[in-house]
Amino acid sequence: MSPDFVRLDFVSPVAVLDTSSFEMLSHELTANCLMKRNENRS
């Protein structure tokens, strides 16, 4: 397989996502990481 094909294959699901839902998803992931970090600290 050519690297370009693999890269396109990887990018396309992200490109299909709506920008707002992608932002929401990244905010959720960030919040989850912060919550886990706080739990570990206490």
Protein backbone atom coordinates (compact mmCIF):
# COMPACT_ATOMS: atom_id res chain seq x y z
CA MET A 1 0.00 0.00 0.00
CA SER A 2 1.20 3.51 -0.74
CA PRO A 3 1.64 5.82 2.28
CA ASP A 4 -0.70 8.38 0.69
CA PHE A 5 -3.50 5.84 0.55
CA VAL A 6 -3.03 4.93 4.22
CA ARG A 7 -2.99 8.58 5.21
CA LEU A 8 -6.21 9.30 3.29
CA ASP A 9 -7.79 6.23 4.86
CA PHE A 10 -6.89 7.54 8.31
CA VAL A 11 -8.02 11.13 7.69
CA SER A 12 -11.38 10.44 6.03
CA PRO A 13 -13.34 9.45 9.20
CA VAL A 14 -12.19 12.68 10.85
CA ALA A 15 -13.11 14.72 7.75
CA VAL A 16 -16.59 13.19 7.77
CA LEU A 17 -17.20 14.28 11.35
CA ASP A 18 -19.01 17.55 11.89
CA THR A 19 -16.61 20.16 13.26
CA SER A 20 -18.82 20.94 16.28
CA SER A 21 -19.18 17.28 17.25
CA PHE A 22 -15.43 16.84 16.85
CA GLU A 23 -14.84 19.80 19.20
CA MET A 24 -17.35 18.36 21.67
CA LEU A 25 -15.57 15.00 21.52
CA SER A 26 -12.17 16.55 22.21
CA HIS A 27 -13.62 18.60 25.10
CA GLU A 28 -15.08 15.40 26.57
CA LEU A 29 -11.76 13.59 26.23
CA THR A 30 -9.93 16.50 27.87
CA ALA A 31 -12.45 16.62 30.73
CA ASN A 32 -12.12 12.86 31.25
CA CYS A 33 -8.32 13.16 31.38
CA LEU A 34 -8.51 16.00 33.91
CA MET A 35 -11.00 14.08 36.06
CA LYS A 36 -8.81 10.97 36.04
CA ARG A 37 -5.78 13.07 36.96
CA ASN A 38 -7.66 14.64 39.88
CA GLU A 39 -8.82 11.22 41.09
CA ASN A 40 -5.25 9.94 41.01
CA ARG A 41 -4.00 12.96 42.95
CA SER A 42 -6.51 12.60 45.82
